[in-house]
C-alpha cells in the first residue's frame, strides 16, 4: 500500500509539474508583456521552483566528458566492463594516463542514491587513476528472477570486481560501504589473494557508530529491527520488473535525509526562487543541478537494508569481532599489507568523528606506517567526496597514499 500510494502521488505531481513548467515558460516568453510587469516574474519563478521540485527523476548520467591536465584536455571514456544483476562495474579513463597509472575501485554507497552522487569523486580521481566504480542497480528494476541480494552478496560483488580489475588495485569506499569493503579486504588478506587491494581508503564510513553517535545512528538504535521491517519495507508494485520484491524505497531514504536539514533545504529553494525573480539563471542553475542529483533516488533490497541496520548500526558486529560472511567470522587482523587511510569530516552529521578512524585500530597486524588518518576541518559529509575542499585538500592526500603504497609485482602473491 505504501508504494502504491507513493506512485499515485508521483503521477499526480508529475502532471502538475508539467503544467507548472509550461506556465513558467509562457510567463517568461519575451512576446508576453506579463513576464516583465507586476507579479509576472514572481509567478513565473514560483512555478519554475514547483516544477523542478515535483518533476519525476530517473537515473542521472555521469557526464564526465573530459579532463584537463597541464593545460591539455583529454576526452574521458566511460564503459561498462562487467555486468551483474544488482550492479555493473564502470570504468573511466583517458589517453593522458600513463600505462602504469594506478587502478582505483570506488565502492559507491547503496543507500538510496545512484553512484552518480560520486560524480565529483570520479572526475577528480580520473586525473591520475584508471577509475572503476560500482554502479548499483535500482532494486525495483532488477527482475524478480534475479533473486535476493544481501550484505554477503554485496561483499561478494566487491571481491568479484577487484578480481576483474586484477592485482595491485586500490579501493576507495565512500560512507556506508566502508564496512563491507573492509570485510572484503580482510577476506582477501586472509586468503593471500593476489587481488587483495594495495590500499583501502574509507571516507565518512560507519565502521563503529558507538563513536560520536549522530542523529542517524540514534534513529537506528531507538527502534528494534522488527520496527524497521514493519514500517519502512515495501513491496515493489506490479508496474516494475522487480514486482513483488521487498525493498527499502529510495523515496523514504530521501525523505529522511531532507528532514535532517529541512531548514537548509527550504532556504536553498527560497534562494533559487530569488535568483529566478532577479533574472539570475546561473545562480538558480547551481541549486537545480544539486537537487537534480539529490532527488534522484533508487530502492535497495530489504535483505541488504535490514542486515546493514542490524550489523552496522545496532550490533556493531565488525568492531566487536562478530561480523560474519557466509558463515565465517571476519578477522580484521588478516589485513596485513593493505594500507588503510581513514578520512573524516569535522562537520559530518551522518558519520561522527571517530567512526571511520576506528578501522585503523581493528587492523592490529598492520604496521603504523600503513595507517593514516585525515580529519578534514570545516568539511561536512558530502564535502568529503565532492566540491572544492575534496578536490584541493582531500584528493591530493589520497593520491599520495596510493603512490606511496603501490604494490610491486613481486609482492602480489606473498
Protein backbone atom coordinates (compact mmCIF):
# COMPACT_ATOMS: atom_id res chain seq x y z
CA UNK A 1 0.00 0.00 0.00
CA UNK A 2 2.81 2.42 0.85
CA UNK A 3 4.48 2.08 -2.54
CA UNK A 4 1.20 2.25 -4.44
CA UNK A 5 0.23 5.43 -2.59
CA UNK A 6 3.58 6.97 -3.46
CA UNK A 7 3.21 6.02 -7.12
CA UNK A 8 -0.23 7.66 -7.22
CA UNK A 9 1.15 10.83 -5.67
CA UNK A 10 4.12 10.80 -8.05
CA UNK A 11 1.82 10.50 -11.06
CA UNK A 12 -0.33 13.39 -9.89
CA UNK A 13 2.66 15.61 -9.14
CA UNK A 14 4.23 14.74 -12.47
CA UNK A 15 1.24 16.18 -14.29
CA UNK A 16 1.19 19.26 -12.08
CA UNK A 17 4.91 19.78 -12.63
CA UNK A 18 4.46 19.62 -16.40
CA UNK A 19 1.73 22.28 -16.32
CA UNK A 20 3.76 24.45 -13.96
CA UNK A 21 6.72 24.26 -16.33
CA UNK A 22 4.52 25.33 -19.25
CA UNK A 23 3.18 28.23 -17.19
CA UNK A 24 6.68 29.37 -16.25
CA UNK A 25 7.79 29.27 -19.89
CA UNK A 26 4.77 31.29 -21.01
CA UNK A 27 5.31 33.94 -18.36
CA UNK A 28 8.95 34.33 -19.36
CA UNK A 29 8.21 34.48 -23.08
CA UNK A 30 9.58 37.80 -24.44
CA UNK A 31 6.44 38.16 -26.55
CA UNK A 32 4.21 38.33 -23.47
CA UNK A 33 4.34 41.62 -21.52
CA UNK A 34 3.13 39.90 -18.32
CA UNK A 35 6.60 38.45 -17.90
CA UNK A 36 8.05 41.91 -17.33
CA UNK A 37 5.49 43.62 -15.11
CA UNK A 38 3.58 43.13 -11.87
CA UNK A 39 3.51 39.61 -10.50
CA UNK A 40 4.65 38.05 -13.76
CA UNK A 41 8.30 37.39 -12.79
CA UNK A 42 7.29 36.31 -9.28
CA UNK A 43 4.63 33.91 -10.56
CA UNK A 44 6.96 32.51 -13.22
CA UNK A 45 9.69 31.92 -10.64
CA UNK A 46 7.29 30.23 -8.22
CA UNK A 47 6.03 27.91 -10.97
CA UNK A 48 9.59 27.11 -12.01
CA UNK A 49 10.60 26.17 -8.45
CA UNK A 50 7.49 23.97 -8.05
CA UNK A 51 8.03 22.30 -11.42
CA UNK A 52 11.61 21.48 -10.55
CA UNK A 53 10.71 20.13 -7.10
CA UNK A 54 7.82 17.97 -8.31
CA UNK A 55 9.27 16.63 -11.57
CA UNK A 56 9.90 12.85 -11.70
CA UNK A 57 13.55 11.80 -11.95
CA UNK A 58 15.32 8.75 -13.28
CA UNK A 59 18.92 7.66 -13.14
CA UNK A 60 21.31 10.55 -13.88
CA UNK A 61 24.32 10.27 -16.18
CA UNK A 62 27.90 10.82 -15.07
CA UNK A 63 28.54 13.25 -17.94
CA UNK A 64 32.29 13.36 -17.37
CA UNK A 65 33.35 14.31 -20.88
CA UNK A 66 36.92 15.48 -20.47
CA UNK A 67 39.78 16.20 -18.09
CA UNK A 68 42.35 18.99 -18.36
CA UNK A 69 45.90 18.29 -17.22
CA UNK A 70 48.75 20.79 -17.51
CA UNK A 71 46.78 22.84 -19.99
CA UNK A 72 45.89 19.91 -22.24
CA UNK A 73 42.37 18.49 -22.50
CA UNK A 74 41.74 14.76 -22.90
CA UNK A 75 38.42 13.02 -23.64
CA UNK A 76 37.21 10.72 -20.86
CA UNK A 77 35.85 7.33 -21.89
CA UNK A 78 33.13 5.68 -19.80
CA UNK A 79 32.43 1.98 -20.33
CA UNK A 80 30.70 -0.95 -18.66
CA UNK A 81 33.33 -3.64 -18.16
CA UNK A 82 31.29 -6.13 -16.11
CA UNK A 83 27.53 -6.61 -15.87
CA UNK A 84 25.86 -8.17 -12.86
CA UNK A 85 22.13 -8.28 -11.96
CA UNK A 86 22.42 -5.94 -8.97
CA UNK A 87 25.26 -3.75 -10.14
CA UNK A 88 27.65 -3.12 -13.00
CA UNK A 89 31.32 -2.21 -12.93
CA UNK A 90 32.08 1.00 -14.82
CA UNK A 91 35.49 2.19 -15.99
CA UNK A 92 36.66 5.75 -16.66
CA UNK A 93 39.97 6.53 -18.35
CA UNK A 94 41.57 8.92 -20.82
CA UNK A 95 44.56 8.90 -23.21
CA UNK A 96 46.57 11.20 -20.93
CA UNK A 97 47.01 8.48 -18.32
CA UNK A 98 50.38 6.69 -18.28
CA UNK A 99 50.37 2.95 -18.96
CA UNK A 100 51.25 2.23 -15.34
CA UNK A 101 48.55 4.51 -13.89
CA UNK A 102 47.10 3.09 -10.66
CA UNK A 103 43.75 1.35 -10.87
CA UNK A 104 41.21 2.59 -8.34
CA UNK A 105 37.93 0.87 -7.47
CA UNK A 106 35.46 3.33 -5.97
CA UNK A 107 32.81 1.49 -3.97
CA UNK A 108 29.71 3.66 -4.10
CA UNK A 109 27.17 3.52 -1.29
CA UNK A 110 23.99 1.53 -1.74
CA UNK A 111 21.96 3.93 0.35
CA UNK A 112 19.19 5.35 -1.80
CA UNK A 113 21.20 7.41 -4.28
CA UNK A 114 22.79 6.37 -7.55
CA UNK A 115 26.55 6.09 -8.00
CA UNK A 116 26.43 9.41 -9.86
CA UNK A 117 26.33 11.08 -6.44
CA UNK A 118 30.09 10.46 -6.61
CA UNK A 119 30.47 12.24 -9.95
CA UNK A 120 32.89 14.73 -8.39
CA UNK A 121 34.89 11.90 -6.84
CA UNK A 122 35.31 10.15 -10.18
CA UNK A 123 36.05 13.37 -12.08
CA UNK A 124 38.88 14.28 -9.70
CA UNK A 125 40.46 10.83 -9.37
CA UNK A 126 40.41 10.08 -13.10
CA UNK A 127 43.01 12.81 -13.44
CA UNK A 128 45.62 10.40 -12.08
CA UNK A 129 43.97 6.96 -11.94
CA UNK A 130 42.18 4.48 -14.14
CA UNK A 131 38.92 4.67 -12.22
CA UNK A 132 36.38 1.90 -11.71
CA UNK A 133 33.12 2.38 -9.80
CA UNK A 134 30.33 0.13 -8.59
CA UNK A 135 27.13 1.16 -10.35
CA UNK A 136 24.48 -0.38 -8.09
CA UNK A 137 21.11 -1.15 -9.65
CA UNK A 138 17.74 0.20 -8.58
CA UNK A 139 16.24 -2.86 -6.86
CA UNK A 140 12.77 -2.24 -8.27
CA UNK A 141 14.17 -2.54 -11.80
CA UNK A 142 16.00 -5.84 -11.22
CA UNK A 143 13.83 -8.73 -12.48
CA UNK A 144 12.39 -10.82 -9.67
CA UNK A 145 14.03 -13.98 -11.04
CA UNK A 146 17.45 -12.47 -10.16
CA UNK A 147 16.67 -13.46 -6.58
CA UNK A 148 17.81 -11.81 -3.37
CA UNK A 149 20.71 -9.50 -2.60
CA UNK A 150 22.05 -9.10 0.92
CA UNK A 151 25.17 -7.94 2.76
CA UNK A 152 27.00 -11.17 1.91
CA UNK A 153 26.24 -10.62 -1.77
CA UNK A 154 27.46 -7.04 -1.55
CA UNK A 155 30.83 -8.24 -0.24
CA UNK A 156 30.96 -10.93 -2.94
CA UNK A 157 30.34 -8.29 -5.61
CA UNK A 158 33.18 -6.12 -4.28
CA UNK A 159 35.55 -9.09 -4.28
CA UNK A 160 34.43 -10.05 -7.79
CA UNK A 161 35.02 -6.52 -9.05
CA UNK A 162 38.55 -6.49 -7.56
CA UNK A 163 39.25 -9.83 -9.24
CA UNK A 164 38.05 -8.45 -12.56
CA UNK A 165 40.31 -5.39 -12.25
CA UNK A 166 43.29 -7.55 -11.33
CA UNK A 167 46.22 -7.48 -8.88
CA UNK A 168 47.55 -4.24 -7.43
CA UNK A 169 44.32 -2.25 -7.48
CA UNK A 170 43.40 0.32 -4.86
CA UNK A 171 39.97 0.69 -3.24
CA UNK A 172 38.04 3.74 -2.06
CA UNK A 173 34.86 3.23 -0.02
CA UNK A 174 32.62 6.26 0.42
CA UNK A 175 30.40 6.26 3.53
CA UNK A 176 28.26 3.14 4.04
CA UNK A 177 30.41 0.65 2.06
CA UNK A 178 33.36 1.22 4.40
CA UNK A 179 32.22 -1.81 6.42
CA UNK A 180 31.72 -4.32 3.56
CA UNK A 181 34.85 -3.01 1.79
CA UNK A 182 36.87 -3.56 4.98
CA UNK A 183 35.38 -7.06 5.23
CA UNK A 184 36.31 -7.78 1.60
CA UNK A 185 39.89 -6.63 2.24
CA UNK A 186 40.10 -8.88 5.32
CA UNK A 187 38.77 -11.90 3.41
CA UNK A 188 41.26 -11.41 0.57
CA UNK A 189 44.06 -10.75 3.05
CA UNK A 190 43.36 -13.99 4.88
CA UNK A 191 43.46 -15.86 1.57
CA UNK A 192 46.63 -14.00 0.50
CA UNK A 193 44.65 -13.42 -2.65
CA UNK A 194 46.65 -11.78 -5.47
CA UNK A 195 43.79 -9.31 -5.96
CA UNK A 196 43.72 -8.04 -2.39
CA UNK A 197 43.77 -4.22 -2.60
CA UNK A 198 47.06 -2.38 -2.17
CA UNK A 199 45.25 0.36 -0.27
CA UNK A 200 41.79 0.84 1.19
CA UNK A 201 40.60 4.39 1.80
CA UNK A 202 37.42 4.81 3.85
CA UNK A 203 35.70 8.19 3.85
CA UNK A 204 32.91 9.09 6.27
CA UNK A 205 32.15 5.44 6.97
CA UNK A 206 30.16 3.96 9.91
CA UNK A 207 32.79 1.43 10.97
CA UNK A 208 31.97 1.89 14.67
CA UNK A 209 28.88 4.02 15.27
CA UNK A 210 29.39 3.92 19.02
CA UNK A 211 31.93 6.68 18.45
CA UNK A 212 30.32 10.16 18.49
CA UNK A 213 26.81 8.94 17.55
CA UNK A 214 24.85 11.18 15.18
CA UNK A 215 21.10 11.58 14.76
CA UNK A 216 21.24 8.94 12.02
CA UNK A 217 22.82 6.49 14.46
CA UNK A 218 20.30 7.40 17.17
CA UNK A 219 17.37 6.60 14.88
CA UNK A 220 18.81 3.16 14.16
CA UNK A 221 19.22 2.43 17.87
CA UNK A 222 15.86 3.75 19.08
CA UNK A 223 13.79 1.01 17.45
CA UNK A 224 14.14 -2.79 17.27
CA UNK A 225 14.91 -4.35 13.91
CA UNK A 226 11.30 -5.55 13.66
CA UNK A 227 10.13 -1.91 13.66
CA UNK A 228 12.12 -1.19 10.51
CA UNK A 229 10.85 -4.35 8.85
CA UNK A 230 7.23 -3.49 9.65
CA UNK A 231 7.32 0.25 8.94
CA UNK A 232 9.77 1.08 6.15
CA UNK A 233 9.88 -2.05 4.00
CA UNK A 234 7.55 -2.03 0.99
CA UNK A 235 6.66 -4.34 -1.89
CA UNK A 236 7.58 -3.29 -5.43
CA UNK A 237 4.37 -2.69 -7.46
CA UNK A 238 3.41 -4.75 -10.49
CA UNK A 239 4.42 -1.96 -12.88
CA UNK A 240 8.15 -2.64 -12.31
CA UNK A 241 10.38 -5.59 -13.35
CA UNK A 242 11.12 -6.33 -9.69
CA UNK A 243 7.44 -6.67 -8.81
CA UNK A 244 6.93 -8.49 -5.53
CA UNK A 245 10.44 -7.86 -4.20
CA UNK A 246 10.70 -6.42 -0.70
CA UNK A 247 12.64 -3.16 -0.73
CA UNK A 248 13.53 -0.11 1.29
CA UNK A 249 12.21 2.58 -1.08
CA UNK A 250 14.51 5.38 -2.13
CA UNK A 251 11.78 7.94 -1.55
CA UNK A 252 11.77 7.08 2.16
CA UNK A 253 15.53 7.48 2.38
CA UNK A 254 15.27 10.86 0.63
CA UNK A 255 12.53 11.98 3.00
CA UNK A 256 14.74 11.08 5.95
CA UNK A 257 17.74 12.98 4.59
CA UNK A 258 15.60 16.02 3.76
CA UNK A 259 14.08 16.02 7.25
CA UNK A 260 17.54 16.09 8.85
CA UNK A 261 18.24 19.53 7.35
CA UNK A 262 14.77 20.73 6.40
CA UNK A 263 15.53 24.37 7.19
CA UNK A 264 18.59 24.39 4.94
CA UNK A 265 16.67 22.77 2.09
CA UNK A 266 13.86 25.31 2.39
CA UNK A 267 16.35 28.19 2.35
CA UNK A 268 18.05 26.69 -0.71
CA UNK A 269 14.76 26.68 -2.60
CA UNK A 270 13.95 30.18 -1.43
CA UNK A 271 17.37 31.26 -2.68
CA UNK A 272 16.66 29.62 -6.03
CA UNK A 273 13.32 31.47 -6.17
CA UNK A 274 15.07 34.81 -5.51
CA UNK A 275 17.68 34.12 -8.20
CA UNK A 276 14.91 33.43 -10.72
CA UNK A 277 12.96 36.56 -9.79
CA UNK A 278 16.12 38.63 -10.22
CA UNK A 279 16.83 37.01 -13.57
CA UNK A 280 19.94 35.25 -12.27
CA UNK A 281 19.54 31.99 -14.14
CA UNK A 282 23.13 30.94 -13.47
CA UNK A 283 22.70 31.19 -9.70
CA UNK A 284 19.48 29.18 -9.85
CA UNK A 285 21.09 26.58 -12.12
CA UNK A 286 23.62 25.59 -9.46
CA UNK A 287 20.84 24.81 -6.97
CA UNK A 288 18.86 22.96 -9.63
CA UNK A 289 21.87 20.83 -10.55
CA UNK A 290 22.41 19.80 -6.92
CA UNK A 291 18.79 18.81 -6.36
CA UNK A 292 18.55 17.02 -9.71
CA UNK A 293 21.13 14.62 -8.29
CA UNK A 294 19.97 14.69 -4.67
CA UNK A 295 16.36 13.83 -5.55
CA UNK A 296 17.30 11.03 -7.92
CA UNK A 297 16.83 8.01 -5.70
CA UNK A 298 16.70 4.23 -6.04
CA UNK A 299 15.47 1.33 -3.95
CA UNK A 300 17.64 -1.16 -2.10
CA UNK A 301 16.66 -4.73 -1.27
CA UNK A 302 15.08 -5.29 2.13
CA UNK A 303 17.61 -8.04 2.95
CA UNK A 304 20.57 -5.73 2.44
CA UNK A 305 18.98 -2.78 4.22
CA UNK A 306 17.87 -4.73 7.29
CA UNK A 307 21.19 -6.56 7.64
CA UNK A 308 23.04 -3.24 7.45
CA UNK A 309 20.82 -1.75 10.15
CA UNK A 310 21.31 -4.82 12.33
CA UNK A 311 25.04 -5.46 11.98
CA UNK A 312 26.44 -1.98 11.31
CA UNK A 313 24.20 0.31 13.36
CA UNK A 314 22.68 -1.87 16.09
CA UNK A 315 25.01 -4.76 16.90
CA UNK A 316 28.29 -3.10 15.81
CA UNK A 317 29.37 -6.52 14.62
CA UNK A 318 32.63 -5.52 12.91
CA UNK A 319 34.30 -3.63 15.80
CA UNK A 320 33.10 -6.32 18.24
CA UNK A 321 34.73 -9.07 16.17
CA UNK A 322 31.35 -10.66 15.42
CA UNK A 323 30.90 -9.79 11.74
CA UNK A 324 30.27 -12.91 9.66
CA UNK A 325 30.41 -13.51 5.91
CA UNK A 326 28.97 -16.75 4.52
CA UNK A 327 29.17 -18.31 7.98
CA UNK A 328 32.83 -17.37 8.58
CA UNK A 329 33.90 -14.67 11.01
CA UNK A 330 35.74 -11.70 9.54
CA UNK A 331 39.20 -11.32 11.06
CA UNK A 332 40.41 -7.69 10.80
CA UNK A 333 43.91 -8.83 11.78
CA UNK A 334 44.10 -10.58 8.40
CA UNK A 335 44.69 -7.16 6.83
CA UNK A 336 48.49 -7.15 6.89
CA UNK A 337 49.59 -5.36 3.73
CA UNK A 338 46.59 -3.33 2.58
CA UNK A 339 47.42 0.22 3.64
CA UNK A 340 44.46 1.92 5.34
CA UNK A 341 43.53 5.60 5.06
CA UNK A 342 40.59 6.89 7.13
CA UNK A 343 39.09 10.26 6.18
CA UNK A 344 36.52 12.08 8.30
CA UNK A 345 34.80 15.45 8.04
CA UNK A 346 34.85 17.73 11.06
CA UNK A 347 31.23 18.76 10.39
CA UNK A 348 29.91 15.38 9.26
CA UNK A 349 26.39 14.97 10.67
CA UNK A 350 25.93 11.44 9.30
CA UNK A 351 29.12 9.62 10.34
CA UNK A 352 30.56 11.17 13.50
CA UNK A 353 34.21 11.82 14.24
CA UNK A 354 35.97 8.60 15.21
CA UNK A 355 33.58 6.21 13.45
CA UNK A 356 35.82 5.73 10.40
CA UNK A 357 39.08 6.11 12.31
CA UNK A 358 38.04 3.04 14.33
CA UNK A 359 39.00 0.86 11.35
CA UNK A 360 42.67 1.63 11.95
CA UNK A 361 42.52 0.12 15.44
CA UNK A 362 40.91 -3.08 14.16
CA UNK A 363 43.79 -3.96 11.83
CA UNK A 364 46.07 -5.00 14.68
CA UNK A 365 48.72 -6.66 12.50
CA UNK A 366 49.07 -3.78 10.08
CA UNK A 367 52.15 -1.62 10.78
CA UNK A 368 51.58 2.01 11.76
CA UNK A 369 53.40 3.12 8.60
CA UNK A 370 50.49 1.61 6.64
CA UNK A 371 47.84 3.53 8.57
CA UNK A 372 46.86 7.17 8.13
CA UNK A 373 44.08 9.39 9.48
CA UNK A 374 42.85 12.66 7.99
CA UNK A 375 40.33 14.92 9.70
CA UNK A 376 39.13 17.47 7.14
CA UNK A 377 38.46 20.68 9.02
CA UNK A 378 35.21 22.55 8.36
CA UNK A 379 34.01 19.82 5.98
CA UNK A 380 30.59 18.14 6.13
CA UNK A 381 29.59 14.69 4.96
CA UNK A 382 29.15 15.46 1.26
CA UNK A 383 32.17 17.76 1.23
CA UNK A 384 34.41 14.77 1.92
CA UNK A 385 33.93 13.46 -1.62
CA UNK A 386 32.53 16.40 -3.63
CA UNK A 387 33.31 20.07 -4.03
CA UNK A 388 36.39 22.28 -3.83
CA UNK A 389 37.63 21.00 -0.46
CA UNK A 390 37.54 17.44 -1.74
CA UNK A 391 39.38 18.42 -4.92
CA UNK A 392 42.10 20.56 -3.33
CA UNK A 393 42.58 19.20 0.19
CA UNK A 394 41.46 15.57 0.37
CA UNK A 395 42.10 14.10 -3.09
CA UNK A 396 45.82 15.04 -3.06
CA UNK A 397 46.25 13.12 0.21
CA UNK A 398 44.57 10.08 -1.35
CA UNK A 399 46.75 10.33 -4.47
CA UNK A 400 49.91 10.49 -2.35
CA UNK A 401 48.74 7.49 -0.30
CA UNK A 402 48.16 5.48 -3.47
CA UNK A 403 51.62 6.39 -4.81
CA UNK A 404 53.34 5.54 -1.54
CA UNK A 405 51.74 2.11 -1.26
CA UNK A 406 51.70 0.90 -4.85
CA UNK A 407 52.18 -2.85 -4.78
CA UNK A 408 55.12 -4.21 -6.72
CA UNK A 409 54.57 -7.37 -8.84
CA UNK A 410 56.76 -9.44 -6.50
CA UNK A 411 54.54 -8.51 -3.55
CA UNK A 412 51.25 -9.62 -5.11
CA UNK A 413 51.37 -13.32 -4.20
CA UNK A 414 53.17 -13.08 -0.85
